[in-house]
Amino acid sequence: MDLSRAQWRTSTRSGSSGNCVEVADNLLDVVAVRDSKDPEGQILVFTTAQWRAFLGGVAAGEFDR
């Protein structure tokens, strides 16, 4: 998969700790996620539907402990 046009960003809530994930949501039909500390490392790729379902779960508190 060609991710050369990915525009990576971190959440505004990430703070300055450096322990962040970066998201590229400007790609056609997919959302890519990577570790900000290792930008050359592994990248997870989700369909936009999967990403929306994940964000919906976060908003609904499905992952809260």
C-alpha atoms as a PDB file:
ATOM      1  CA  MET A   1       0.000   0.000   0.000  1.00  0.00           C
ATOM      2  CA  ASP A   2       1.333   3.405  -0.992  1.00  0.00           C
ATOM      3  CA  LEU A   3       1.303   5.723   2.025  1.00  0.00           C
ATOM      4  CA  SER A   4       3.625   8.331   0.506  1.00  0.00           C
ATOM      5  CA  ARG A   5       0.847  10.951   0.536  1.00  0.00           C
ATOM      6  CA  ALA A   6      -0.097  10.341   4.155  1.00  0.00           C
ATOM      7  CA  GLN A   7      -0.347  13.521   6.204  1.00  0.00           C
ATOM      8  CA  TRP A   8       0.441  12.423   9.754  1.00  0.00           C
ATOM      9  CA  ARG A   9      -0.938  14.237  12.803  1.00  0.00           C
ATOM     10  CA  THR A  10      -1.141  13.701  16.534  1.00  0.00           C
ATOM     11  CA  SER A  11      -4.041  14.510  18.794  1.00  0.00           C
ATOM     12  CA  THR A  12      -4.121  17.968  20.308  1.00  0.00           C
ATOM     13  CA  ARG A  13      -4.620  16.147  23.636  1.00  0.00           C
ATOM     14  CA  SER A  14      -1.335  14.250  23.333  1.00  0.00           C
ATOM     15  CA  GLY A  15       0.673  16.748  25.338  1.00  0.00           C
ATOM     16  CA  SER A  16       4.449  16.858  25.247  1.00  0.00           C
ATOM     17  CA  SER A  17       5.299  13.411  26.655  1.00  0.00           C
ATOM     18  CA  GLY A  18       6.131  12.001  23.228  1.00  0.00           C
ATOM     19  CA  ASN A  19       4.054   8.873  23.871  1.00  0.00           C
ATOM     20  CA  CYS A  20       1.631   9.361  21.022  1.00  0.00           C
ATOM     21  CA  VAL A  21       0.175   7.727  18.000  1.00  0.00           C
ATOM     22  CA  GLU A  22      -0.018   9.531  14.696  1.00  0.00           C
ATOM     23  CA  VAL A  23      -2.999   9.207  12.387  1.00  0.00           C
ATOM     24  CA  ALA A  24      -3.223   9.816   8.646  1.00  0.00           C
ATOM     25  CA  ASP A  25      -6.859  10.201   7.687  1.00  0.00           C
ATOM     26  CA  ASN A  26      -6.369  12.003   4.380  1.00  0.00           C
ATOM     27  CA  LEU A  27      -6.040   8.758   2.380  1.00  0.00           C
ATOM     28  CA  LEU A  28      -8.705   7.291   0.121  1.00  0.00           C
ATOM     29  CA  ASP A  29     -10.847   4.714   1.975  1.00  0.00           C
ATOM     30  CA  VAL A  30      -8.276   3.986   4.723  1.00  0.00           C
ATOM     31  CA  VAL A  31      -6.897   5.434   7.938  1.00  0.00           C
ATOM     32  CA  ALA A  32      -3.287   4.713   8.893  1.00  0.00           C
ATOM     33  CA  VAL A  33      -1.907   4.726  12.447  1.00  0.00           C
ATOM     34  CA  ARG A  34       1.721   4.630  13.632  1.00  0.00           C
ATOM     35  CA  ASP A  35       3.841   5.202  16.740  1.00  0.00           C
ATOM     36  CA  SER A  36       5.167   8.763  16.803  1.00  0.00           C
ATOM     37  CA  LYS A  37       8.410   7.564  18.418  1.00  0.00           C
ATOM     38  CA  ASP A  38       9.047   5.143  15.537  1.00  0.00           C
ATOM     39  CA  PRO A  39       7.783   6.758  12.315  1.00  0.00           C
ATOM     40  CA  GLU A  40       9.710   4.256  10.181  1.00  0.00           C
ATOM     41  CA  GLY A  41       8.211   1.305  12.059  1.00  0.00           C
ATOM     42  CA  GLN A  42       5.032  -0.666  11.606  1.00  0.00           C
ATOM     43  CA  ILE A  43       1.870   1.050  10.381  1.00  0.00           C
ATOM     44  CA  LEU A  44      -1.637  -0.204  11.074  1.00  0.00           C
ATOM     45  CA  VAL A  45      -4.173   0.398   8.311  1.00  0.00           C
ATOM     46  CA  PHE A  46      -7.936   0.380   8.862  1.00  0.00           C
ATOM     47  CA  THR A  47     -10.856   0.915   6.551  1.00  0.00           C
ATOM     48  CA  THR A  48     -12.711   4.147   7.220  1.00  0.00           C
ATOM     49  CA  ALA A  49     -15.665   2.068   8.482  1.00  0.00           C
ATOM     50  CA  GLN A  50     -13.442   0.245  10.970  1.00  0.00           C
ATOM     51  CA  TRP A  51     -11.938   3.539  12.145  1.00  0.00           C
ATOM     52  CA  ARG A  52     -15.381   5.115  12.614  1.00  0.00           C
ATOM     53  CA  ALA A  53     -16.515   2.070  14.607  1.00  0.00           C
ATOM     54  CA  PHE A  54     -13.418   2.357  16.819  1.00  0.00           C
ATOM     55  CA  LEU A  55     -13.969   6.087  17.422  1.00  0.00           C
ATOM     56  CA  GLY A  56     -17.638   5.414  18.187  1.00  0.00           C
ATOM     57  CA  GLY A  57     -16.586   2.829  20.752  1.00  0.00           C
ATOM     58  CA  VAL A  58     -14.165   5.290  22.327  1.00  0.00           C
ATOM     59  CA  ALA A  59     -16.871   7.968  22.519  1.00  0.00           C
ATOM     60  CA  ALA A  60     -19.319   5.478  24.043  1.00  0.00           C
ATOM     61  CA  GLY A  61     -16.814   4.435  26.713  1.00  0.00           C
ATOM     62  CA  GLU A  62     -16.550   0.832  25.469  1.00  0.00           C
ATOM     63  CA  PHE A  63     -12.836   0.742  26.293  1.00  0.00           C
ATOM     64  CA  ASP A  64     -12.940   2.472  29.679  1.00  0.00           C
ATOM     65  CA  ARG A  65     -11.832   0.442  32.649  1.00  0.00           C
END
